[in-house]
C-alpha atoms as a PDB file:
ATOM      1  CA  ILE A   1      19.236 -67.419 -54.781  1.00  0.00           C
ATOM      2  CA  GLN A   2      19.194 -64.950 -51.950  1.00  0.00           C
ATOM      3  CA  GLU A   3      18.343 -62.298 -54.407  1.00  0.00           C
ATOM      4  CA  VAL A   4      15.594 -64.367 -55.856  1.00  0.00           C
ATOM      5  CA  ARG A   5      14.329 -65.258 -52.512  1.00  0.00           C
ATOM      6  CA  GLU A   6      14.234 -61.602 -51.326  1.00  0.00           C
ATOM      7  CA  HIS A   7      12.392 -60.419 -54.476  1.00  0.00           C
ATOM      8  CA  ARG A   8       9.561 -63.318 -53.912  1.00  0.00           C
ATOM      9  CA  SER A   9       9.558 -62.826 -50.505  1.00  0.00           C
ATOM     10  CA  LYS A  10       7.480 -59.936 -51.285  1.00  0.00           C
ATOM     11  CA  MET A  11       4.889 -61.910 -52.951  1.00  0.00           C
ATOM     12  CA  ARG A  12       2.205 -63.744 -51.196  1.00  0.00           C
ATOM     13  CA  ILE A  13       1.926 -66.470 -53.570  1.00  0.00           C
ATOM     14  CA  CYS A  14       5.499 -67.647 -52.584  1.00  0.00           C
ATOM     15  CA  PRO A  15       5.658 -68.538 -49.151  1.00  0.00           C
ATOM     16  CA  SER A  16       8.704 -70.426 -49.491  1.00  0.00           C
ATOM     17  CA  ALA A  17      10.672 -67.687 -50.002  1.00  0.00           C
ATOM     18  CA  ASP A  18      10.119 -66.539 -46.284  1.00  0.00           C
ATOM     19  CA  GLU A  19      13.290 -66.073 -44.576  1.00  0.00           C
ATOM     20  CA  ALA A  20      12.006 -68.432 -41.951  1.00  0.00           C
ATOM     21  CA  VAL A  21      11.816 -71.425 -44.232  1.00  0.00           C
ATOM     22  CA  ASP A  22      14.804 -73.637 -44.403  1.00  0.00           C
ATOM     23  CA  VAL A  23      14.924 -74.517 -47.973  1.00  0.00           C
ATOM     24  CA  PRO A  24      17.758 -77.130 -47.929  1.00  0.00           C
ATOM     25  CA  SER A  25      15.910 -78.917 -45.249  1.00  0.00           C
ATOM     26  CA  VAL A  26      12.796 -78.820 -47.527  1.00  0.00           C
ATOM     27  CA  ILE A  27      14.818 -79.979 -50.481  1.00  0.00           C
ATOM     28  CA  LEU A  28      16.428 -82.973 -48.496  1.00  0.00           C
ATOM     29  CA  GLU A  29      13.101 -83.921 -47.210  1.00  0.00           C
ATOM     30  CA  PHE A  30      11.322 -84.038 -50.743  1.00  0.00           C
ATOM     31  CA  CYS A  31      14.482 -86.253 -51.626  1.00  0.00           C
ATOM     32  CA  ASP A  32      14.338 -88.482 -48.707  1.00  0.00           C
ATOM     33  CA  ASN A  33      10.344 -89.341 -49.233  1.00  0.00           C
ATOM     34  CA  SER A  34      10.206 -89.864 -52.900  1.00  0.00           C
ATOM     35  CA  PHE A  35       6.991 -87.696 -52.944  1.00  0.00           C
ATOM     36  CA  TYR A  36       6.748 -87.220 -56.576  1.00  0.00           C
ATOM     37  CA  ARG A  37       8.615 -90.201 -58.062  1.00  0.00           C
ATOM     38  CA  GLU A  38       5.833 -91.631 -59.879  1.00  0.00           C
ATOM     39  CA  ASP A  39       4.485 -88.083 -60.900  1.00  0.00           C
ATOM     40  CA  TYR A  40       7.936 -87.316 -62.294  1.00  0.00           C
ATOM     41  CA  GLN A  41       8.329 -90.404 -64.269  1.00  0.00           C
ATOM     42  CA  ALA A  42       4.915 -90.246 -65.751  1.00  0.00           C
ATOM     43  CA  ILE A  43       5.120 -86.606 -67.000  1.00  0.00           C
ATOM     44  CA  THR A  44       8.691 -86.772 -68.119  1.00  0.00           C
ATOM     45  CA  ASP A  45       7.936 -89.997 -70.013  1.00  0.00           C
ATOM     46  CA  TYR A  46       4.997 -88.394 -71.800  1.00  0.00           C
ATOM     47  CA  PHE A  47       7.148 -85.162 -72.853  1.00  0.00           C
ATOM     48  CA  THR A  48      10.589 -86.694 -73.691  1.00  0.00           C
ATOM     49  CA  LYS A  49      12.282 -90.051 -74.548  1.00  0.00           C
ATOM     50  CA  ASP A  50      15.611 -88.947 -73.294  1.00  0.00           C
ATOM     51  CA  ALA A  51      14.690 -87.618 -69.765  1.00  0.00           C
ATOM     52  CA  VAL A  52      17.152 -87.260 -66.937  1.00  0.00           C
ATOM     53  CA  SER A  53      16.221 -90.353 -64.466  1.00  0.00           C
ATOM     54  CA  TYR A  54      14.477 -89.310 -61.131  1.00  0.00           C
ATOM     55  CA  ASP A  55      17.391 -90.875 -59.193  1.00  0.00           C
ATOM     56  CA  ASP A  56      19.802 -88.488 -61.091  1.00  0.00           C
ATOM     57  CA  VAL A  57      17.590 -85.538 -60.222  1.00  0.00           C
ATOM     58  CA  ILE A  58      17.497 -86.435 -56.858  1.00  0.00           C
ATOM     59  CA  GLY A  59      21.161 -86.736 -56.493  1.00  0.00           C
ATOM     60  CA  GLN A  60      21.566 -83.160 -57.934  1.00  0.00           C
ATOM     61  CA  MET A  61      19.165 -82.068 -55.782  1.00  0.00           C
ATOM     62  CA  ARG A  62      20.802 -83.261 -52.656  1.00  0.00           C
ATOM     63  CA  MET A  63      24.091 -81.482 -54.072  1.00  0.00           C
ATOM     64  CA  LEU A  64      22.155 -78.168 -54.120  1.00  0.00           C
ATOM     65  CA  ALA A  65      20.609 -78.775 -50.867  1.00  0.00           C
ATOM     66  CA  THR A  66      24.235 -79.570 -49.167  1.00  0.00           C
ATOM     67  CA  SER A  67      26.143 -76.937 -50.980  1.00  0.00           C
ATOM     68  CA  ASN A  68      26.537 -73.317 -49.592  1.00  0.00           C
ATOM     69  CA  LEU A  69      24.114 -71.775 -52.087  1.00  0.00           C
ATOM     70  CA  PHE A  70      21.455 -71.141 -49.442  1.00  0.00           C
ATOM     71  CA  GLU A  71      24.236 -69.344 -46.970  1.00  0.00           C
ATOM     72  CA  LYS A  72      23.815 -65.621 -46.592  1.00  0.00           C
END
């Protein structure tokens, strides 16, 4: 994760890679507010019949956000 963020921080199109951005907090905000629940379900249902549920995806995202993967 650190290597990817460092590489992308040099790209103008990837502001979330900036060192000042707290990615775990952004992920948790995303999880807590269900911003994309309807969109995820509509798009996923359109493309596949055996999709992972939105709640399962959010659970995995919470695990990533609370892991030590984003620590330096």
